[in-house]
Amino acid sequence: MIRNPIDIASRVSPELSGFIESIISQLDTDEPVTLGSIRSFIAQDLPAEIDEEEHMHHFDTAESLVDELDGLIDGFGESAAAADFVYAFAGEALSRVIEAVANDENRENPPTLGVVRDALADGLAARLAGDGVLEEDEAEMLTPELDSLIERFGPDATAEYFLRYE
């Protein structure tokens, strides 16, 4: 089964997504981090210098991040994987690579992250740099960024879900 956390993550504010991601990186556990464990962390382990009432609000609303998290828990349950609520996008250079692979006329299906990795291994970054689509220093950073996405979402995740349009 292919997971598509992007659809769920689109229901989360960027502030809460970043907050969840920072807590996931702080927690040292072999168990999957759930929305319930994020909520528990906030209630028990949040550093004292962060005052929930002052610093945990969205900049443009009265709703706090805790209220938003509680809404997600109500909708998806405490056992929902927290990582599914974190935005993940490719950087600008990797987005151009994904678009180049997706626009290949010989392609019948949308490319996966694994297909994009294979295209990079076959010299796509060098070709795009030669065409002026990528700069040399950008090409060097593509593989680590792509490998990070593959580690999180698997090689079969549809690459176009990670496009960043700016």
N, C-alpha and C. Protein backbone atom coordinates (compact mmCIF):
# COMPACT_ATOMS: atom_id res chain seq x y z
N MET A 1 0.84 -1.18 0.00
CA MET A 1 0.00 0.00 0.00
C MET A 1 0.88 1.25 0.00
N ILE A 2 0.58 2.19 -0.86
CA ILE A 2 1.33 3.44 -0.93
C ILE A 2 0.64 4.46 -0.04
N ARG A 3 1.40 5.04 0.88
CA ARG A 3 0.87 6.08 1.76
C ARG A 3 0.95 7.41 1.04
N ASN A 4 -0.05 8.24 1.24
CA ASN A 4 -0.02 9.57 0.68
C ASN A 4 -0.28 10.59 1.78
N PRO A 5 0.75 10.90 2.57
CA PRO A 5 0.57 11.83 3.68
C PRO A 5 0.31 13.27 3.23
N ILE A 6 0.59 13.56 1.98
CA ILE A 6 0.43 14.93 1.51
C ILE A 6 -1.02 15.36 1.62
N ASP A 7 -1.98 14.49 1.29
CA ASP A 7 -3.39 14.86 1.37
C ASP A 7 -3.79 15.20 2.79
N ILE A 8 -3.34 14.42 3.75
CA ILE A 8 -3.66 14.72 5.15
C ILE A 8 -2.94 15.97 5.60
N ALA A 9 -1.68 16.10 5.24
CA ALA A 9 -0.89 17.25 5.68
C ALA A 9 -1.46 18.55 5.17
N SER A 10 -2.18 18.50 4.05
CA SER A 10 -2.74 19.74 3.51
C SER A 10 -3.83 20.31 4.42
N ARG A 11 -4.29 19.53 5.38
CA ARG A 11 -5.31 19.99 6.33
C ARG A 11 -4.69 20.65 7.56
N VAL A 12 -3.38 20.70 7.61
CA VAL A 12 -2.66 21.19 8.77
C VAL A 12 -2.03 22.55 8.43
N SER A 13 -2.08 23.46 9.38
CA SER A 13 -1.44 24.75 9.15
C SER A 13 0.07 24.56 9.06
N PRO A 14 0.75 25.43 8.31
CA PRO A 14 2.21 25.34 8.25
C PRO A 14 2.86 25.43 9.63
N GLU A 15 2.28 26.23 10.52
CA GLU A 15 2.85 26.38 11.86
C GLU A 15 2.79 25.06 12.63
N LEU A 16 1.62 24.40 12.59
CA LEU A 16 1.49 23.13 13.31
C LEU A 16 2.34 22.05 12.64
N SER A 17 2.38 22.04 11.33
CA SER A 17 3.21 21.06 10.62
C SER A 17 4.67 21.17 11.06
N GLY A 18 5.18 22.39 11.10
CA GLY A 18 6.57 22.60 11.54
C GLY A 18 6.77 22.22 12.99
N PHE A 19 5.77 22.51 13.82
CA PHE A 19 5.85 22.19 15.24
C PHE A 19 5.87 20.67 15.43
N ILE A 20 5.00 19.96 14.72
CA ILE A 20 4.97 18.49 14.80
C ILE A 20 6.31 17.93 14.36
N GLU A 21 6.84 18.44 13.26
CA GLU A 21 8.12 17.96 12.75
C GLU A 21 9.23 18.18 13.76
N SER A 22 9.23 19.33 14.44
CA SER A 22 10.29 19.60 15.42
C SER A 22 10.16 18.66 16.63
N ILE A 23 8.95 18.34 17.04
CA ILE A 23 8.77 17.42 18.17
C ILE A 23 9.19 16.01 17.76
N ILE A 24 8.83 15.58 16.56
CA ILE A 24 9.24 14.26 16.09
C ILE A 24 10.75 14.13 16.13
N SER A 25 11.45 15.18 15.71
CA SER A 25 12.91 15.11 15.70
C SER A 25 13.50 15.12 17.11
N GLN A 26 12.77 15.67 18.09
CA GLN A 26 13.25 15.71 19.47
C GLN A 26 13.01 14.41 20.23
N LEU A 27 11.95 13.70 19.86
CA LEU A 27 11.60 12.48 20.59
C LEU A 27 12.54 11.36 20.18
N ASP A 28 13.12 10.71 21.18
CA ASP A 28 14.04 9.60 20.93
C ASP A 28 13.31 8.30 21.23
N THR A 29 12.65 7.76 20.20
CA THR A 29 11.86 6.56 20.40
C THR A 29 11.90 5.69 19.15
N ASP A 30 11.81 4.39 19.37
CA ASP A 30 11.73 3.46 18.25
C ASP A 30 10.28 3.26 17.82
N GLU A 31 9.35 3.70 18.64
CA GLU A 31 7.92 3.58 18.34
C GLU A 31 7.51 4.72 17.40
N PRO A 32 6.52 4.47 16.55
CA PRO A 32 6.02 5.57 15.71
C PRO A 32 5.44 6.68 16.58
N VAL A 33 5.73 7.91 16.21
CA VAL A 33 5.21 9.05 16.94
C VAL A 33 3.79 9.31 16.44
N THR A 34 2.85 9.38 17.38
CA THR A 34 1.44 9.56 17.05
C THR A 34 0.99 10.97 17.45
N LEU A 35 -0.22 11.33 16.99
CA LEU A 35 -0.78 12.61 17.42
C LEU A 35 -0.94 12.64 18.94
N GLY A 36 -1.30 11.51 19.52
CA GLY A 36 -1.44 11.43 20.98
C GLY A 36 -0.13 11.67 21.68
N SER A 37 0.97 11.13 21.14
CA SER A 37 2.27 11.35 21.79
C SER A 37 2.73 12.80 21.62
N ILE A 38 2.35 13.42 20.51
CA ILE A 38 2.66 14.85 20.34
C ILE A 38 1.90 15.65 21.39
N ARG A 39 0.62 15.34 21.57
CA ARG A 39 -0.20 16.05 22.56
C ARG A 39 0.35 15.84 23.96
N SER A 40 0.76 14.62 24.26
CA SER A 40 1.34 14.30 25.56
C SER A 40 2.63 15.07 25.78
N PHE A 41 3.45 15.16 24.74
CA PHE A 41 4.70 15.92 24.84
C PHE A 41 4.42 17.37 25.18
N ILE A 42 3.42 17.94 24.51
CA ILE A 42 3.07 19.35 24.78
C ILE A 42 2.63 19.51 26.23
N ALA A 43 1.81 18.59 26.70
CA ALA A 43 1.28 18.70 28.06
C ALA A 43 2.33 18.48 29.13
N GLN A 44 3.31 17.58 28.86
CA GLN A 44 4.25 17.19 29.91
C GLN A 44 5.67 17.68 29.72
N ASP A 45 6.13 17.73 28.49
CA ASP A 45 7.56 17.93 28.26
C ASP A 45 7.94 19.22 27.55
N LEU A 46 6.97 20.04 27.20
CA LEU A 46 7.29 21.28 26.49
C LEU A 46 8.15 22.16 27.38
N PRO A 47 9.24 22.67 26.86
CA PRO A 47 10.11 23.51 27.69
C PRO A 47 9.34 24.66 28.33
N ALA A 48 9.69 24.97 29.54
CA ALA A 48 8.99 25.99 30.32
C ALA A 48 9.02 27.36 29.66
N GLU A 49 10.06 27.63 28.85
CA GLU A 49 10.15 28.96 28.25
C GLU A 49 9.10 29.18 27.17
N ILE A 50 8.42 28.12 26.75
CA ILE A 50 7.36 28.27 25.75
C ILE A 50 6.03 28.29 26.48
N ASP A 51 5.40 29.43 26.49
CA ASP A 51 4.10 29.60 27.14
C ASP A 51 3.02 29.32 26.10
N GLU A 52 2.23 28.29 26.35
CA GLU A 52 1.20 27.87 25.40
C GLU A 52 0.28 29.02 25.02
N GLU A 53 -0.10 29.83 25.98
CA GLU A 53 -1.03 30.91 25.70
C GLU A 53 -0.42 32.01 24.83
N GLU A 54 0.88 32.30 25.02
CA GLU A 54 1.51 33.39 24.29
C GLU A 54 2.12 32.96 22.98
N HIS A 55 2.78 31.82 22.94
CA HIS A 55 3.60 31.46 21.79
C HIS A 55 3.04 30.33 20.94
N MET A 56 1.93 29.78 21.33
CA MET A 56 1.41 28.64 20.60
C MET A 56 0.18 29.01 19.78
N HIS A 57 0.02 30.27 19.42
CA HIS A 57 -1.11 30.71 18.61
C HIS A 57 -0.67 30.96 17.19
N HIS A 58 -1.62 30.74 16.27
CA HIS A 58 -1.38 31.12 14.89
C HIS A 58 -1.26 32.64 14.84
N PHE A 59 -0.47 33.13 13.92
CA PHE A 59 -0.26 34.56 13.88
C PHE A 59 -1.51 35.33 13.46
N ASP A 60 -2.44 34.69 12.76
CA ASP A 60 -3.59 35.43 12.22
C ASP A 60 -4.94 34.98 12.79
N THR A 61 -4.94 34.12 13.78
CA THR A 61 -6.21 33.68 14.37
C THR A 61 -6.06 33.54 15.88
N ALA A 62 -7.18 33.37 16.54
CA ALA A 62 -7.15 33.16 17.98
C ALA A 62 -6.96 31.68 18.32
N GLU A 63 -7.06 30.81 17.30
CA GLU A 63 -6.90 29.37 17.55
C GLU A 63 -5.45 29.05 17.86
N SER A 64 -5.25 28.28 18.91
CA SER A 64 -3.89 27.89 19.25
C SER A 64 -3.52 26.63 18.48
N LEU A 65 -2.23 26.36 18.43
CA LEU A 65 -1.75 25.14 17.79
C LEU A 65 -2.28 23.92 18.55
N VAL A 66 -2.42 24.05 19.85
CA VAL A 66 -2.96 22.96 20.66
C VAL A 66 -4.41 22.70 20.27
N ASP A 67 -5.19 23.76 20.05
CA ASP A 67 -6.58 23.58 19.62
C ASP A 67 -6.63 22.87 18.26
N GLU A 68 -5.75 23.28 17.37
CA GLU A 68 -5.71 22.65 16.05
C GLU A 68 -5.31 21.18 16.17
N LEU A 69 -4.31 20.90 17.00
CA LEU A 69 -3.88 19.52 17.23
C LEU A 69 -5.02 18.70 17.82
N ASP A 70 -5.74 19.26 18.79
CA ASP A 70 -6.88 18.56 19.38
C ASP A 70 -7.95 18.27 18.33
N GLY A 71 -8.14 19.18 17.38
CA GLY A 71 -9.09 18.94 16.29
C GLY A 71 -8.65 17.78 15.40
N LEU A 72 -7.35 17.70 15.15
CA LEU A 72 -6.83 16.57 14.36
C LEU A 72 -7.03 15.25 15.11
N ILE A 73 -6.79 15.29 16.42
CA ILE A 73 -6.98 14.08 17.22
C ILE A 73 -8.45 13.67 17.20
N ASP A 74 -9.36 14.65 17.29
CA ASP A 74 -10.79 14.34 17.21
C ASP A 74 -11.14 13.71 15.86
N GLY A 75 -10.51 14.19 14.80
CA GLY A 75 -10.83 13.72 13.46
C GLY A 75 -10.14 12.43 13.05
N PHE A 76 -8.91 12.24 13.51
CA PHE A 76 -8.11 11.12 13.03
C PHE A 76 -7.72 10.13 14.13
N GLY A 77 -7.92 10.51 15.37
CA GLY A 77 -7.59 9.62 16.49
C GLY A 77 -6.19 9.85 17.02
N GLU A 78 -6.00 9.49 18.28
CA GLU A 78 -4.70 9.66 18.93
C GLU A 78 -3.62 8.79 18.33
N SER A 79 -4.01 7.66 17.72
CA SER A 79 -3.02 6.73 17.19
C SER A 79 -2.57 7.05 15.77
N ALA A 80 -3.08 8.12 15.17
CA ALA A 80 -2.68 8.51 13.82
C ALA A 80 -1.20 8.90 13.82
N ALA A 81 -0.48 8.46 12.80
CA ALA A 81 0.96 8.76 12.70
C ALA A 81 1.17 10.25 12.53
N ALA A 82 1.94 10.84 13.42
CA ALA A 82 2.18 12.29 13.38
C ALA A 82 2.89 12.71 12.11
N ALA A 83 3.77 11.87 11.59
CA ALA A 83 4.52 12.21 10.38
C ALA A 83 3.61 12.46 9.19
N ASP A 84 2.42 11.86 9.20
CA ASP A 84 1.48 12.06 8.10
C ASP A 84 0.91 13.48 8.07
N PHE A 85 1.13 14.24 9.12
CA PHE A 85 0.60 15.59 9.21
C PHE A 85 1.68 16.65 9.02
N VAL A 86 2.82 16.23 8.50
CA VAL A 86 3.94 17.14 8.25
C VAL A 86 4.05 17.36 6.75
N TYR A 87 4.09 18.63 6.37
CA TYR A 87 4.27 18.96 4.96
C TYR A 87 5.62 18.45 4.48
N ALA A 88 5.66 18.02 3.26
CA ALA A 88 6.93 17.63 2.65
C ALA A 88 6.91 18.11 1.21
N PHE A 89 7.85 18.95 0.87
CA PHE A 89 7.94 19.45 -0.49
C PHE A 89 9.38 19.36 -0.95
N ALA A 90 9.53 19.19 -2.24
CA ALA A 90 10.86 19.23 -2.84
C ALA A 90 11.29 20.68 -2.93
N GLY A 91 12.59 20.90 -2.86
CA GLY A 91 13.12 22.23 -3.07
C GLY A 91 12.93 22.66 -4.51
N GLU A 92 13.26 23.88 -4.79
CA GLU A 92 13.05 24.44 -6.13
C GLU A 92 13.79 23.64 -7.21
N ALA A 93 15.05 23.31 -6.97
CA ALA A 93 15.83 22.57 -7.97
C ALA A 93 15.27 21.17 -8.18
N LEU A 94 14.95 20.48 -7.09
CA LEU A 94 14.39 19.13 -7.22
C LEU A 94 13.02 19.18 -7.89
N SER A 95 12.26 20.23 -7.64
CA SER A 95 10.97 20.39 -8.32
C SER A 95 11.16 20.49 -9.83
N ARG A 96 12.21 21.21 -10.25
CA ARG A 96 12.48 21.31 -11.70
C ARG A 96 12.85 19.95 -12.27
N VAL A 97 13.57 19.14 -11.50
CA VAL A 97 13.94 17.79 -11.96
C VAL A 97 12.69 16.92 -12.06
N ILE A 98 11.84 16.98 -11.05
CA ILE A 98 10.60 16.19 -11.07
C ILE A 98 9.75 16.58 -12.28
N GLU A 99 9.65 17.88 -12.54
CA GLU A 99 8.88 18.34 -13.69
C GLU A 99 9.49 17.83 -15.00
N ALA A 100 10.81 17.81 -15.09
CA ALA A 100 11.47 17.31 -16.30
C ALA A 100 11.15 15.84 -16.51
N VAL A 101 11.17 15.06 -15.45
CA VAL A 101 10.85 13.63 -15.56
C VAL A 101 9.37 13.46 -15.90
N ALA A 102 8.50 14.23 -15.26
CA ALA A 102 7.06 14.12 -15.51
C ALA A 102 6.70 14.52 -16.93
N ASN A 103 7.43 15.46 -17.49
CA ASN A 103 7.14 15.96 -18.84
C ASN A 103 7.76 15.11 -19.95
N ASP A 104 8.43 14.04 -19.58
CA ASP A 104 9.01 13.12 -20.57
C ASP A 104 7.87 12.53 -21.41
N GLU A 105 7.95 12.74 -22.72
CA GLU A 105 6.88 12.28 -23.61
C GLU A 105 6.74 10.76 -23.64
N ASN A 106 7.77 10.04 -23.28
CA ASN A 106 7.72 8.58 -23.30
C ASN A 106 7.10 7.99 -22.03
N ARG A 107 6.76 8.83 -21.08
CA ARG A 107 6.25 8.38 -19.79
C ARG A 107 4.74 8.21 -19.87
N GLU A 108 4.26 7.04 -19.46
CA GLU A 108 2.83 6.76 -19.45
C GLU A 108 2.20 7.07 -18.10
N ASN A 109 2.93 6.82 -17.01
CA ASN A 109 2.41 7.01 -15.65
C ASN A 109 3.17 8.13 -14.96
N PRO A 110 2.54 8.76 -13.97
CA PRO A 110 3.27 9.77 -13.21
C PRO A 110 4.51 9.15 -12.57
N PRO A 111 5.63 9.87 -12.55
CA PRO A 111 6.85 9.30 -12.00
C PRO A 111 6.79 9.20 -10.48
N THR A 112 7.48 8.20 -9.96
CA THR A 112 7.62 8.03 -8.52
C THR A 112 8.95 8.64 -8.09
N LEU A 113 9.16 8.74 -6.79
CA LEU A 113 10.45 9.23 -6.30
C LEU A 113 11.57 8.30 -6.75
N GLY A 114 11.32 7.00 -6.80
CA GLY A 114 12.33 6.05 -7.27
C GLY A 114 12.68 6.26 -8.73
N VAL A 115 11.69 6.58 -9.56
CA VAL A 115 11.95 6.86 -10.98
C VAL A 115 12.80 8.12 -11.11
N VAL A 116 12.53 9.12 -10.30
CA VAL A 116 13.32 10.36 -10.35
C VAL A 116 14.76 10.06 -9.93
N ARG A 117 14.93 9.23 -8.89
CA ARG A 117 16.28 8.86 -8.46
C ARG A 117 17.01 8.13 -9.59
N ASP A 118 16.32 7.23 -10.28
CA ASP A 118 16.93 6.52 -11.41
C ASP A 118 17.33 7.49 -12.51
N ALA A 119 16.49 8.47 -12.78
CA ALA A 119 16.81 9.47 -13.81
C ALA A 119 18.04 10.27 -13.43
N LEU A 120 18.16 10.62 -12.15
CA LEU A 120 19.36 11.34 -11.70
C LEU A 120 20.60 10.46 -11.86
N ALA A 121 20.46 9.18 -11.52
CA ALA A 121 21.58 8.25 -11.65
C ALA A 121 21.99 8.07 -13.12
N ASP A 122 21.04 8.27 -14.03
CA ASP A 122 21.32 8.15 -15.46
C ASP A 122 21.82 9.46 -16.08
N GLY A 123 22.09 10.46 -15.25
CA GLY A 123 22.70 11.69 -15.74
C GLY A 123 21.77 12.84 -16.02
N LEU A 124 20.53 12.78 -15.56
CA LEU A 124 19.58 13.86 -15.82
C LEU A 124 20.06 15.19 -15.26
N ALA A 125 20.63 15.20 -14.08
CA ALA A 125 21.08 16.47 -13.48
C ALA A 125 22.14 17.13 -14.35
N ALA A 126 23.07 16.35 -14.87
CA ALA A 126 24.12 16.92 -15.74
C ALA A 126 23.50 17.48 -17.02
N ARG A 127 22.53 16.76 -17.59
CA ARG A 127 21.87 17.26 -18.80
C ARG A 127 21.13 18.56 -18.52
N LEU A 128 20.42 18.61 -17.39
CA LEU A 128 19.67 19.82 -17.06
C LEU A 128 20.61 20.98 -16.74
N ALA A 129 21.75 20.69 -16.13
CA ALA A 129 22.74 21.74 -15.87
C ALA A 129 23.31 22.23 -17.20
N GLY A 130 23.56 21.32 -18.12
CA GLY A 130 24.06 21.71 -19.44
C GLY A 130 23.06 22.55 -20.21
N ASP A 131 21.77 22.31 -19.98
CA ASP A 131 20.71 23.07 -20.64
C ASP A 131 20.41 24.38 -19.93
N GLY A 132 21.05 24.61 -18.77
CA GLY A 132 20.83 25.84 -18.01
C GLY A 132 19.61 25.79 -17.10
N VAL A 133 18.98 24.62 -16.96
CA VAL A 133 17.82 24.48 -16.09
C VAL A 133 18.26 24.41 -14.63
N LEU A 134 19.43 23.82 -14.40
CA LEU A 134 20.01 23.72 -13.06
C LEU A 134 21.39 24.35 -13.05
N GLU A 135 21.79 24.80 -11.89
CA GLU A 135 23.16 25.27 -11.72
C GLU A 135 23.98 24.10 -11.16
N GLU A 136 25.27 24.12 -11.38
CA GLU A 136 26.14 23.02 -10.95
C GLU A 136 25.99 22.73 -9.45
N ASP A 137 25.99 23.77 -8.62
CA ASP A 137 25.89 23.55 -7.17
C ASP A 137 24.51 23.00 -6.78
N GLU A 138 23.47 23.33 -7.52
CA GLU A 138 22.14 22.78 -7.25
C GLU A 138 22.13 21.27 -7.53
N ALA A 139 22.77 20.88 -8.61
CA ALA A 139 22.78 19.47 -9.02
C ALA A 139 23.40 18.58 -7.94
N GLU A 140 24.38 19.11 -7.22
CA GLU A 140 25.06 18.33 -6.18
C GLU A 140 24.15 18.04 -4.99
N MET A 141 23.17 18.87 -4.75
CA MET A 141 22.30 18.73 -3.58
C MET A 141 21.05 17.89 -3.85
N LEU A 142 20.82 17.52 -5.08
CA LEU A 142 19.58 16.82 -5.43
C LEU A 142 19.47 15.44 -4.80
N THR A 143 20.51 14.65 -4.90
CA THR A 143 20.45 13.27 -4.42
C THR A 143 20.20 13.19 -2.91
N PRO A 144 20.91 13.95 -2.08
CA PRO A 144 20.60 13.87 -0.64
C PRO A 144 19.16 14.29 -0.32
N GLU A 145 18.68 15.33 -0.98
CA GLU A 145 17.30 15.78 -0.74
C GLU A 145 16.31 14.71 -1.17
N LEU A 146 16.53 14.14 -2.35
CA LEU A 146 15.64 13.09 -2.85
C LEU A 146 15.70 11.85 -1.96
N ASP A 147 16.88 11.48 -1.53
CA ASP A 147 17.02 10.32 -0.64
C ASP A 147 16.28 10.53 0.68
N SER A 148 16.26 11.76 1.16
CA SER A 148 15.53 12.07 2.38
C SER A 148 14.02 11.87 2.18
N LEU A 149 13.50 12.32 1.04
CA LEU A 149 12.08 12.12 0.75
C LEU A 149 11.77 10.63 0.59
N ILE A 150 12.66 9.89 -0.07
CA ILE A 150 12.45 8.46 -0.26
C ILE A 150 12.48 7.74 1.09
N GLU A 151 13.36 8.16 1.96
CA GLU A 151 13.44 7.54 3.29
C GLU A 151 12.14 7.74 4.06
N ARG A 152 11.54 8.92 3.92
CA ARG A 152 10.30 9.21 4.64
C ARG A 152 9.07 8.60 3.99
N PHE A 153 9.00 8.63 2.65
CA PHE A 153 7.75 8.28 1.97
C PHE A 153 7.84 7.07 1.06
N GLY A 154 9.05 6.56 0.85
CA GLY A 154 9.22 5.37 0.03
C GLY A 154 9.44 5.70 -1.43
N PRO A 155 10.08 4.78 -2.17
CA PRO A 155 10.39 5.03 -3.57
C PRO A 155 9.18 5.01 -4.49
N ASP A 156 8.06 4.47 -4.01
CA ASP A 156 6.87 4.38 -4.85
C ASP A 156 5.92 5.57 -4.70
N ALA A 157 6.27 6.55 -3.87
CA ALA A 157 5.44 7.75 -3.70
C ALA A 157 5.48 8.56 -5.00
N THR A 158 4.34 9.05 -5.41
CA THR A 158 4.25 9.85 -6.64
C THR A 158 5.03 11.14 -6.46
N ALA A 159 6.00 11.34 -7.33
CA ALA A 159 6.93 12.47 -7.20
C ALA A 159 6.23 13.82 -7.32
N GLU A 160 5.22 13.89 -8.15
CA GLU A 160 4.56 15.18 -8.39
C GLU A 160 3.84 15.71 -7.15
N TYR A 161 3.54 14.85 -6.18
CA TYR A 161 2.92 15.32 -4.93
C TYR A 161 3.86 16.21 -4.14
N PHE A 162 5.15 16.14 -4.44
CA PHE A 162 6.14 16.88 -3.68
C PHE A 162 6.59 18.16 -4.36
N LEU A 163 5.99 18.48 -5.52
CA LEU A 163 6.38 19.69 -6.25
C LEU A 163 6.09 20.93 -5.42
N ARG A 164 7.02 21.85 -5.47
CA ARG A 164 6.85 23.13 -4.79
C ARG A 164 6.69 24.19 -5.87
N TYR A 165 5.58 24.87 -5.81
CA TYR A 165 5.33 25.95 -6.77
C TYR A 165 5.48 27.28 -6.06
N GLU A 166 6.46 28.03 -6.44
CA GLU A 166 6.67 29.35 -5.80
C GLU A 166 6.82 30.40 -6.86
